[in-house]
Amino acid sequence: MCQTVGNAGDRAAPRRIALPPGTFSVAIHYSMACAVVGLILVISFRDFRGFDTNTTAGFLLGLLLLLIGVACFLVSGKQTVIVDPKVHRITIEDSNRFRSKKRSIPFSDIVGISIGYLGKRSNYVTWYYLVLKLRSGEDYPLFAPGRFFAGGSDRSTVTSWKQRLEEYLSH
């Protein structure tokens, strides 16, 4: 699940503008479905006798799906982005099943915001995300590819996030 935070109404509790709920759980459901289908295929084709290419292919496909499903389940995580205009800071929390990482970026360290993308425009499979250009020269991705969030494949949605963030930085 990814979240972005809007205008902080009061200092103690910034108002959160969340992306549609369930974006994180969708990734978990897909990974578990993949693992279950893989397990069913592995169990169904585990007792192959001789060298039957269809049976072997079914077993190997099941094994591949099982491994992909388990790996995706283990590495899935969430990113929470809190933009607090009153404190002039962006706080990013990345967490998965193994670790949690928190980073705080003051507005004064941000020299630019751009939109990055992953994929090929020619095949219409592209994921967009925000890239913060920091004073140190580092490019820091917000809502980077690999995170499942609503609107990541729509450039106009990510452009509106960029405009909102630029508005917060200008105040």
N, C-alpha and C. Protein backbone atom coordinates (compact mmCIF):
# COMPACT_ATOMS: atom_id res chain seq x y z
N MET A 1 0.85 -1.16 0.00
CA MET A 1 0.00 0.00 0.00
C MET A 1 0.90 1.22 0.00
N CYS A 2 0.57 2.15 -0.80
CA CYS A 2 1.32 3.40 -0.83
C CYS A 2 0.37 4.51 -0.46
N GLN A 3 0.87 5.45 0.26
CA GLN A 3 0.06 6.59 0.66
C GLN A 3 0.82 7.86 0.39
N THR A 4 0.09 8.89 0.10
CA THR A 4 0.69 10.21 0.05
C THR A 4 -0.12 11.10 0.96
N VAL A 5 0.50 12.05 1.53
CA VAL A 5 -0.18 12.86 2.52
C VAL A 5 -0.35 14.26 1.99
N GLY A 6 -1.48 14.81 2.24
CA GLY A 6 -1.79 16.16 1.77
C GLY A 6 -1.44 17.19 2.80
N ASN A 7 -2.16 18.28 2.77
CA ASN A 7 -1.91 19.41 3.63
C ASN A 7 -2.10 19.04 5.10
N ALA A 8 -1.15 19.37 5.91
CA ALA A 8 -1.24 19.05 7.34
C ALA A 8 -2.16 20.07 7.99
N GLY A 9 -3.34 19.64 8.39
CA GLY A 9 -4.31 20.54 9.02
C GLY A 9 -3.78 21.12 10.31
N ASP A 10 -3.26 20.27 11.16
CA ASP A 10 -2.61 20.77 12.37
C ASP A 10 -1.32 20.00 12.56
N ARG A 11 -0.42 20.54 13.31
CA ARG A 11 0.94 20.01 13.44
C ARG A 11 0.96 18.58 13.97
N ALA A 12 0.06 18.24 14.87
CA ALA A 12 0.10 16.93 15.51
C ALA A 12 -0.32 15.81 14.57
N ALA A 13 -1.29 16.08 13.69
CA ALA A 13 -1.80 15.00 12.86
C ALA A 13 -1.98 15.46 11.43
N PRO A 14 -0.98 15.25 10.56
CA PRO A 14 -1.15 15.62 9.16
C PRO A 14 -2.31 14.85 8.55
N ARG A 15 -3.05 15.52 7.68
CA ARG A 15 -4.18 14.89 7.02
C ARG A 15 -3.64 13.96 5.95
N ARG A 16 -4.05 12.72 5.99
CA ARG A 16 -3.56 11.74 5.03
C ARG A 16 -4.52 11.62 3.86
N ILE A 17 -3.99 11.70 2.68
CA ILE A 17 -4.75 11.44 1.48
C ILE A 17 -4.22 10.13 0.96
N ALA A 18 -4.97 9.08 1.15
CA ALA A 18 -4.47 7.74 0.85
C ALA A 18 -4.89 7.32 -0.55
N LEU A 19 -4.03 6.54 -1.16
CA LEU A 19 -4.41 5.90 -2.41
C LEU A 19 -5.47 4.86 -2.08
N PRO A 20 -6.19 4.37 -3.08
CA PRO A 20 -7.26 3.42 -2.80
C PRO A 20 -6.78 2.26 -1.95
N PRO A 21 -7.56 1.89 -0.91
CA PRO A 21 -7.15 0.80 -0.04
C PRO A 21 -7.09 -0.51 -0.80
N GLY A 22 -6.24 -1.38 -0.32
CA GLY A 22 -6.17 -2.71 -0.89
C GLY A 22 -5.10 -2.87 -1.96
N THR A 23 -4.37 -1.82 -2.31
CA THR A 23 -3.36 -1.98 -3.34
C THR A 23 -2.24 -2.90 -2.87
N PHE A 24 -1.91 -2.85 -1.59
CA PHE A 24 -0.89 -3.74 -1.04
C PHE A 24 -1.42 -5.18 -0.97
N SER A 25 -2.67 -5.33 -0.52
CA SER A 25 -3.24 -6.67 -0.38
C SER A 25 -3.47 -7.33 -1.72
N VAL A 26 -3.68 -6.56 -2.79
CA VAL A 26 -3.84 -7.14 -4.12
C VAL A 26 -2.56 -7.87 -4.52
N ALA A 27 -1.41 -7.26 -4.28
CA ALA A 27 -0.14 -7.89 -4.61
C ALA A 27 0.04 -9.19 -3.82
N ILE A 28 -0.37 -9.18 -2.57
CA ILE A 28 -0.28 -10.40 -1.76
C ILE A 28 -1.21 -11.47 -2.29
N HIS A 29 -2.43 -11.08 -2.68
CA HIS A 29 -3.38 -12.06 -3.21
C HIS A 29 -2.87 -12.69 -4.50
N TYR A 30 -2.31 -11.88 -5.40
CA TYR A 30 -1.77 -12.41 -6.65
C TYR A 30 -0.61 -13.34 -6.40
N SER A 31 0.27 -12.98 -5.49
CA SER A 31 1.42 -13.84 -5.22
C SER A 31 0.97 -15.16 -4.59
N MET A 32 0.00 -15.09 -3.71
CA MET A 32 -0.50 -16.33 -3.09
C MET A 32 -1.25 -17.19 -4.11
N ALA A 33 -2.02 -16.56 -5.00
CA ALA A 33 -2.72 -17.31 -6.04
C ALA A 33 -1.72 -18.02 -6.95
N CYS A 34 -0.66 -17.32 -7.29
CA CYS A 34 0.40 -17.91 -8.12
C CYS A 34 1.03 -19.10 -7.41
N ALA A 35 1.30 -18.96 -6.12
CA ALA A 35 1.91 -20.05 -5.35
C ALA A 35 0.96 -21.24 -5.24
N VAL A 36 -0.32 -20.99 -5.04
CA VAL A 36 -1.31 -22.07 -4.91
C VAL A 36 -1.45 -22.83 -6.23
N VAL A 37 -1.57 -22.11 -7.34
CA VAL A 37 -1.66 -22.77 -8.65
C VAL A 37 -0.40 -23.58 -8.90
N GLY A 38 0.76 -23.02 -8.58
CA GLY A 38 2.01 -23.74 -8.73
C GLY A 38 2.05 -25.01 -7.89
N LEU A 39 1.60 -24.89 -6.66
CA LEU A 39 1.58 -26.06 -5.77
C LEU A 39 0.64 -27.15 -6.31
N ILE A 40 -0.50 -26.75 -6.82
CA ILE A 40 -1.45 -27.72 -7.39
C ILE A 40 -0.81 -28.44 -8.58
N LEU A 41 -0.14 -27.69 -9.44
CA LEU A 41 0.52 -28.32 -10.59
C LEU A 41 1.65 -29.25 -10.16
N VAL A 42 2.44 -28.82 -9.18
CA VAL A 42 3.55 -29.66 -8.70
C VAL A 42 3.01 -30.97 -8.12
N ILE A 43 1.96 -30.87 -7.31
CA ILE A 43 1.38 -32.07 -6.70
C ILE A 43 0.74 -32.96 -7.77
N SER A 44 0.05 -32.35 -8.73
CA SER A 44 -0.62 -33.13 -9.78
C SER A 44 0.36 -33.87 -10.67
N PHE A 45 1.49 -33.28 -10.96
CA PHE A 45 2.44 -33.87 -11.90
C PHE A 45 3.71 -34.39 -11.24
N ARG A 46 3.70 -34.59 -9.92
CA ARG A 46 4.92 -34.99 -9.22
C ARG A 46 5.30 -36.43 -9.46
N ASP A 47 4.33 -37.26 -9.77
CA ASP A 47 4.59 -38.68 -9.89
C ASP A 47 4.62 -39.10 -11.36
N PHE A 48 5.43 -38.43 -12.14
CA PHE A 48 5.49 -38.80 -13.55
C PHE A 48 6.42 -39.98 -13.73
N ARG A 49 5.97 -40.89 -14.59
CA ARG A 49 6.77 -42.10 -14.86
C ARG A 49 7.34 -41.98 -16.28
N GLY A 50 8.58 -42.24 -16.39
CA GLY A 50 9.20 -42.13 -17.71
C GLY A 50 9.39 -40.67 -18.09
N PHE A 51 9.61 -40.45 -19.34
CA PHE A 51 9.85 -39.08 -19.80
C PHE A 51 8.72 -38.67 -20.73
N ASP A 52 7.65 -38.16 -20.13
CA ASP A 52 6.53 -37.62 -20.88
C ASP A 52 6.68 -36.10 -20.84
N THR A 53 6.86 -35.49 -22.00
CA THR A 53 7.15 -34.06 -22.03
C THR A 53 6.02 -33.21 -21.46
N ASN A 54 4.77 -33.61 -21.66
CA ASN A 54 3.67 -32.83 -21.12
C ASN A 54 3.64 -32.87 -19.60
N THR A 55 3.87 -34.04 -19.04
CA THR A 55 3.88 -34.17 -17.58
C THR A 55 5.05 -33.42 -16.98
N THR A 56 6.20 -33.55 -17.59
CA THR A 56 7.38 -32.84 -17.12
C THR A 56 7.18 -31.33 -17.21
N ALA A 57 6.61 -30.89 -18.32
CA ALA A 57 6.36 -29.45 -18.50
C ALA A 57 5.36 -28.95 -17.44
N GLY A 58 4.33 -29.73 -17.15
CA GLY A 58 3.36 -29.34 -16.12
C GLY A 58 4.01 -29.24 -14.76
N PHE A 59 4.88 -30.20 -14.44
CA PHE A 59 5.58 -30.18 -13.16
C PHE A 59 6.51 -28.96 -13.06
N LEU A 60 7.29 -28.72 -14.12
CA LEU A 60 8.24 -27.61 -14.10
C LEU A 60 7.52 -26.25 -14.09
N LEU A 61 6.40 -26.14 -14.80
CA LEU A 61 5.61 -24.90 -14.75
C LEU A 61 5.08 -24.68 -13.34
N GLY A 62 4.59 -25.74 -12.72
CA GLY A 62 4.10 -25.63 -11.34
C GLY A 62 5.20 -25.20 -10.39
N LEU A 63 6.38 -25.78 -10.55
CA LEU A 63 7.51 -25.43 -9.71
C LEU A 63 7.90 -23.96 -9.91
N LEU A 64 7.91 -23.51 -11.15
CA LEU A 64 8.23 -22.12 -11.44
C LEU A 64 7.20 -21.17 -10.83
N LEU A 65 5.92 -21.47 -11.00
CA LEU A 65 4.87 -20.63 -10.42
C LEU A 65 4.94 -20.61 -8.90
N LEU A 66 5.22 -21.74 -8.30
CA LEU A 66 5.35 -21.83 -6.85
C LEU A 66 6.50 -20.95 -6.36
N LEU A 67 7.64 -21.03 -7.01
CA LEU A 67 8.80 -20.22 -6.61
C LEU A 67 8.53 -18.73 -6.80
N ILE A 68 7.92 -18.35 -7.92
CA ILE A 68 7.60 -16.94 -8.16
C ILE A 68 6.62 -16.43 -7.12
N GLY A 69 5.58 -17.21 -6.83
CA GLY A 69 4.57 -16.81 -5.85
C GLY A 69 5.15 -16.62 -4.46
N VAL A 70 5.97 -17.55 -4.02
CA VAL A 70 6.58 -17.46 -2.69
C VAL A 70 7.55 -16.28 -2.63
N ALA A 71 8.35 -16.09 -3.68
CA ALA A 71 9.30 -14.97 -3.69
C ALA A 71 8.56 -13.63 -3.65
N CYS A 72 7.51 -13.49 -4.44
CA CYS A 72 6.75 -12.24 -4.45
C CYS A 72 6.09 -11.98 -3.10
N PHE A 73 5.61 -13.02 -2.47
CA PHE A 73 4.99 -12.86 -1.15
C PHE A 73 6.02 -12.38 -0.13
N LEU A 74 7.22 -12.94 -0.20
CA LEU A 74 8.25 -12.59 0.78
C LEU A 74 8.80 -11.18 0.61
N VAL A 75 8.90 -10.69 -0.62
CA VAL A 75 9.50 -9.38 -0.84
C VAL A 75 8.48 -8.24 -0.93
N SER A 76 7.19 -8.56 -0.92
CA SER A 76 6.20 -7.49 -1.02
C SER A 76 6.27 -6.62 0.23
N GLY A 77 6.05 -5.35 0.03
CA GLY A 77 6.15 -4.41 1.14
C GLY A 77 5.28 -3.21 0.88
N LYS A 78 5.47 -2.20 1.69
CA LYS A 78 4.69 -0.99 1.50
C LYS A 78 5.59 0.22 1.70
N GLN A 79 5.18 1.29 1.07
CA GLN A 79 5.89 2.55 1.20
C GLN A 79 4.86 3.60 1.63
N THR A 80 5.17 4.29 2.69
CA THR A 80 4.31 5.37 3.17
C THR A 80 5.08 6.67 3.05
N VAL A 81 4.47 7.63 2.37
CA VAL A 81 5.10 8.93 2.18
C VAL A 81 4.25 9.97 2.89
N ILE A 82 4.87 10.70 3.80
CA ILE A 82 4.16 11.75 4.54
C ILE A 82 4.79 13.09 4.19
N VAL A 83 3.98 13.94 3.59
CA VAL A 83 4.42 15.29 3.25
C VAL A 83 3.79 16.23 4.27
N ASP A 84 4.63 16.87 5.06
CA ASP A 84 4.14 17.77 6.11
C ASP A 84 4.61 19.19 5.81
N PRO A 85 3.73 20.02 5.20
CA PRO A 85 4.13 21.38 4.85
C PRO A 85 4.43 22.27 6.05
N LYS A 86 3.84 21.98 7.21
CA LYS A 86 4.09 22.81 8.40
C LYS A 86 5.51 22.62 8.92
N VAL A 87 6.01 21.39 8.84
CA VAL A 87 7.35 21.08 9.32
C VAL A 87 8.38 21.18 8.17
N HIS A 88 7.88 21.29 6.94
CA HIS A 88 8.72 21.36 5.74
C HIS A 88 9.60 20.12 5.61
N ARG A 89 8.92 18.95 5.61
CA ARG A 89 9.67 17.70 5.56
C ARG A 89 8.82 16.62 4.88
N ILE A 90 9.51 15.72 4.19
CA ILE A 90 8.89 14.52 3.63
C ILE A 90 9.48 13.34 4.38
N THR A 91 8.62 12.50 4.93
CA THR A 91 9.07 11.31 5.64
C THR A 91 8.63 10.09 4.84
N ILE A 92 9.58 9.21 4.54
CA ILE A 92 9.31 8.01 3.76
C ILE A 92 9.62 6.79 4.61
N GLU A 93 8.64 5.90 4.72
CA GLU A 93 8.84 4.64 5.43
C GLU A 93 8.69 3.50 4.44
N ASP A 94 9.74 2.72 4.27
CA ASP A 94 9.71 1.52 3.44
C ASP A 94 9.78 0.32 4.37
N SER A 95 8.85 -0.60 4.21
CA SER A 95 8.91 -1.79 5.06
C SER A 95 8.49 -3.01 4.25
N ASN A 96 9.12 -4.11 4.57
CA ASN A 96 8.73 -5.40 4.01
C ASN A 96 8.81 -6.42 5.14
N ARG A 97 8.77 -7.68 4.82
CA ARG A 97 8.73 -8.71 5.85
C ARG A 97 10.03 -8.83 6.65
N PHE A 98 11.12 -8.29 6.11
CA PHE A 98 12.41 -8.48 6.74
C PHE A 98 12.97 -7.23 7.42
N ARG A 99 12.59 -6.05 6.95
CA ARG A 99 13.17 -4.84 7.53
C ARG A 99 12.23 -3.66 7.33
N SER A 100 12.54 -2.62 8.05
CA SER A 100 11.81 -1.37 7.92
C SER A 100 12.84 -0.24 7.88
N LYS A 101 12.65 0.69 6.95
CA LYS A 101 13.61 1.77 6.78
C LYS A 101 12.83 3.08 6.74
N LYS A 102 13.32 4.07 7.46
CA LYS A 102 12.66 5.36 7.52
C LYS A 102 13.66 6.44 7.10
N ARG A 103 13.20 7.36 6.26
CA ARG A 103 14.06 8.45 5.81
C ARG A 103 13.27 9.75 5.86
N SER A 104 13.91 10.79 6.29
CA SER A 104 13.30 12.10 6.37
C SER A 104 14.08 13.05 5.47
N ILE A 105 13.35 13.74 4.58
CA ILE A 105 13.98 14.67 3.65
C ILE A 105 13.41 16.06 3.86
N PRO A 106 14.21 17.01 4.33
CA PRO A 106 13.72 18.38 4.48
C PRO A 106 13.45 19.00 3.11
N PHE A 107 12.44 19.86 3.04
CA PHE A 107 12.11 20.54 1.79
C PHE A 107 13.32 21.27 1.23
N SER A 108 14.17 21.81 2.11
CA SER A 108 15.32 22.58 1.66
C SER A 108 16.35 21.72 0.91
N ASP A 109 16.30 20.40 1.08
CA ASP A 109 17.23 19.51 0.38
C ASP A 109 16.75 19.14 -1.02
N ILE A 110 15.51 19.48 -1.36
CA ILE A 110 14.94 19.11 -2.65
C ILE A 110 15.13 20.26 -3.63
N VAL A 111 15.85 19.98 -4.72
CA VAL A 111 16.09 21.02 -5.72
C VAL A 111 15.22 20.84 -6.96
N GLY A 112 14.59 19.69 -7.10
CA GLY A 112 13.72 19.46 -8.25
C GLY A 112 12.91 18.20 -8.12
N ILE A 113 11.81 18.13 -8.87
CA ILE A 113 10.96 16.95 -8.91
C ILE A 113 10.71 16.61 -10.38
N SER A 114 10.90 15.37 -10.72
CA SER A 114 10.62 14.93 -12.09
C SER A 114 9.80 13.65 -12.05
N ILE A 115 9.40 13.21 -13.21
CA ILE A 115 8.64 11.97 -13.32
C ILE A 115 9.52 10.96 -14.05
N GLY A 116 9.75 9.84 -13.40
CA GLY A 116 10.51 8.76 -14.00
C GLY A 116 9.56 7.71 -14.52
N TYR A 117 10.05 6.84 -15.37
CA TYR A 117 9.20 5.76 -15.86
C TYR A 117 10.02 4.50 -16.07
N LEU A 118 9.33 3.39 -16.03
CA LEU A 118 9.94 2.09 -16.27
C LEU A 118 9.07 1.38 -17.28
N GLY A 119 9.67 0.86 -18.30
CA GLY A 119 8.93 0.16 -19.34
C GLY A 119 9.17 0.76 -20.69
N LYS A 120 8.45 0.25 -21.67
CA LYS A 120 8.57 0.74 -23.04
C LYS A 120 7.28 1.45 -23.42
N ARG A 121 7.42 2.66 -23.88
CA ARG A 121 6.23 3.38 -24.33
C ARG A 121 5.63 2.72 -25.56
N SER A 122 6.44 2.05 -26.35
CA SER A 122 5.96 1.43 -27.58
C SER A 122 5.00 0.27 -27.33
N ASN A 123 5.15 -0.43 -26.20
CA ASN A 123 4.22 -1.53 -25.93
C ASN A 123 3.17 -1.17 -24.89
N TYR A 124 3.11 0.10 -24.53
CA TYR A 124 2.07 0.64 -23.65
C TYR A 124 2.07 0.02 -22.25
N VAL A 125 3.19 -0.50 -21.81
CA VAL A 125 3.32 -1.01 -20.45
C VAL A 125 4.38 -0.15 -19.76
N THR A 126 3.92 0.88 -19.09
CA THR A 126 4.84 1.83 -18.47
C THR A 126 4.34 2.15 -17.07
N TRP A 127 5.27 2.21 -16.13
CA TRP A 127 4.96 2.61 -14.75
C TRP A 127 5.68 3.92 -14.48
N TYR A 128 4.94 4.87 -13.95
CA TYR A 128 5.49 6.19 -13.65
C TYR A 128 5.67 6.36 -12.15
N TYR A 129 6.61 7.21 -11.77
CA TYR A 129 6.87 7.49 -10.36
C TYR A 129 7.53 8.85 -10.25
N LEU A 130 7.53 9.40 -9.06
CA LEU A 130 8.17 10.69 -8.83
C LEU A 130 9.64 10.49 -8.47
N VAL A 131 10.47 11.40 -8.93
CA VAL A 131 11.90 11.37 -8.61
C VAL A 131 12.26 12.71 -7.98
N LEU A 132 12.73 12.66 -6.74
CA LEU A 132 13.20 13.87 -6.07
C LEU A 132 14.68 14.06 -6.38
N LYS A 133 15.04 15.22 -6.88
CA LYS A 133 16.45 15.55 -7.09
C LYS A 133 16.90 16.29 -5.84
N LEU A 134 17.83 15.69 -5.10
CA LEU A 134 18.29 16.26 -3.84
C LEU A 134 19.53 17.12 -4.05
N ARG A 135 19.75 18.02 -3.12
CA ARG A 135 20.89 18.95 -3.18
C ARG A 135 22.21 18.19 -3.27
N SER A 136 22.27 17.00 -2.69
CA SER A 136 23.50 16.20 -2.71
C SER A 136 23.78 15.58 -4.08
N GLY A 137 22.81 15.71 -5.02
CA GLY A 137 22.97 15.10 -6.34
C GLY A 137 22.25 13.78 -6.47
N GLU A 138 21.75 13.26 -5.36
CA GLU A 138 21.06 11.98 -5.36
C GLU A 138 19.66 12.12 -5.96
N ASP A 139 19.24 11.11 -6.71
CA ASP A 139 17.86 11.01 -7.18
C ASP A 139 17.15 10.02 -6.29
N TYR A 140 16.07 10.46 -5.63
CA TYR A 140 15.35 9.59 -4.71
C TYR A 140 13.96 9.31 -5.28
N PRO A 141 13.64 8.02 -5.58
CA PRO A 141 12.34 7.70 -6.16
C PRO A 141 11.24 7.58 -5.10
N LEU A 142 10.11 8.22 -5.36
CA LEU A 142 8.91 8.04 -4.54
C LEU A 142 7.95 7.17 -5.33
N PHE A 143 7.36 6.19 -4.69
CA PHE A 143 6.44 5.26 -5.34
C PHE A 143 7.11 4.60 -6.54
N ALA A 144 8.30 4.10 -6.31
CA ALA A 144 9.10 3.49 -7.37
C ALA A 144 8.43 2.24 -7.92
N PRO A 145 8.77 1.87 -9.15
CA PRO A 145 8.23 0.63 -9.72
C PRO A 145 8.56 -0.55 -8.81
N GLY A 146 7.71 -1.51 -8.82
CA GLY A 146 7.85 -2.64 -7.91
C GLY A 146 6.91 -2.48 -6.73
N ARG A 147 6.42 -1.29 -6.52
CA ARG A 147 5.38 -1.01 -5.53
C ARG A 147 4.08 -0.95 -6.29
N PHE A 148 3.11 -1.66 -5.83
CA PHE A 148 1.82 -1.65 -6.52
C PHE A 148 0.96 -0.56 -5.91
N PHE A 149 0.63 0.44 -6.70
CA PHE A 149 -0.23 1.51 -6.23
C PHE A 149 -1.10 1.98 -7.38
N ALA A 150 -2.29 2.37 -7.04
CA ALA A 150 -3.24 2.82 -8.05
C ALA A 150 -2.75 4.09 -8.71
N GLY A 151 -2.80 4.15 -10.01
CA GLY A 151 -2.41 5.34 -10.74
C GLY A 151 -0.99 5.31 -11.26
N GLY A 152 -0.21 4.30 -10.92
CA GLY A 152 1.18 4.25 -11.34
C GLY A 152 1.37 4.09 -12.83
N SER A 153 0.36 3.59 -13.52
CA SER A 153 0.48 3.43 -14.97
C SER A 153 -0.15 4.60 -15.73
N ASP A 154 -0.66 5.58 -15.01
CA ASP A 154 -1.31 6.73 -15.63
C ASP A 154 -0.47 7.98 -15.40
N ARG A 155 0.11 8.48 -16.47
CA ARG A 155 1.01 9.63 -16.35
C ARG A 155 0.29 10.85 -15.78
N SER A 156 -0.98 11.05 -16.13
CA SER A 156 -1.69 12.24 -15.64
C SER A 156 -1.88 12.18 -14.12
N THR A 157 -2.07 11.00 -13.57
CA THR A 157 -2.20 10.86 -12.12
C THR A 157 -0.88 11.22 -11.43
N VAL A 158 0.21 10.69 -11.95
CA VAL A 158 1.52 10.98 -11.36
C VAL A 158 1.88 12.45 -11.56
N THR A 159 1.46 13.04 -12.67
CA THR A 159 1.68 14.48 -12.90
C THR A 159 0.94 15.30 -11.86
N SER A 160 -0.27 14.89 -11.50
CA SER A 160 -1.01 15.63 -10.46
C SER A 160 -0.32 15.50 -9.11
N TRP A 161 0.29 14.34 -8.82
CA TRP A 161 1.05 14.20 -7.57
C TRP A 161 2.25 15.14 -7.59
N LYS A 162 2.90 15.23 -8.74
CA LYS A 162 4.06 16.11 -8.88
C LYS A 162 3.65 17.56 -8.63
N GLN A 163 2.56 17.98 -9.23
CA GLN A 163 2.09 19.36 -9.07
C GLN A 163 1.72 19.65 -7.62
N ARG A 164 1.07 18.70 -6.96
CA ARG A 164 0.71 18.88 -5.56
C ARG A 164 1.95 19.01 -4.69
N LEU A 165 2.95 18.17 -4.95
CA LEU A 165 4.18 18.22 -4.17
C LEU A 165 4.94 19.53 -4.43
N GLU A 166 4.97 19.98 -5.68
CA GLU A 166 5.62 21.25 -6.00
C GLU A 166 4.92 22.41 -5.30
N GLU A 167 3.59 22.32 -5.19
CA GLU A 167 2.83 23.37 -4.49
C GLU A 167 3.22 23.41 -3.01
N TYR A 168 3.36 22.24 -2.39
CA TYR A 168 3.78 22.18 -0.98
C TYR A 168 5.18 22.74 -0.80
N LEU A 169 6.08 22.45 -1.74
CA LEU A 169 7.45 22.92 -1.64
C LEU A 169 7.56 24.44 -1.83
N SER A 170 6.64 25.01 -2.57
CA SER A 170 6.71 26.45 -2.84
C SER A 170 6.22 27.31 -1.67
N HIS A 171 5.52 26.72 -0.74
CA HIS A 171 4.99 27.52 0.40
C HIS A 171 5.97 27.62 1.51
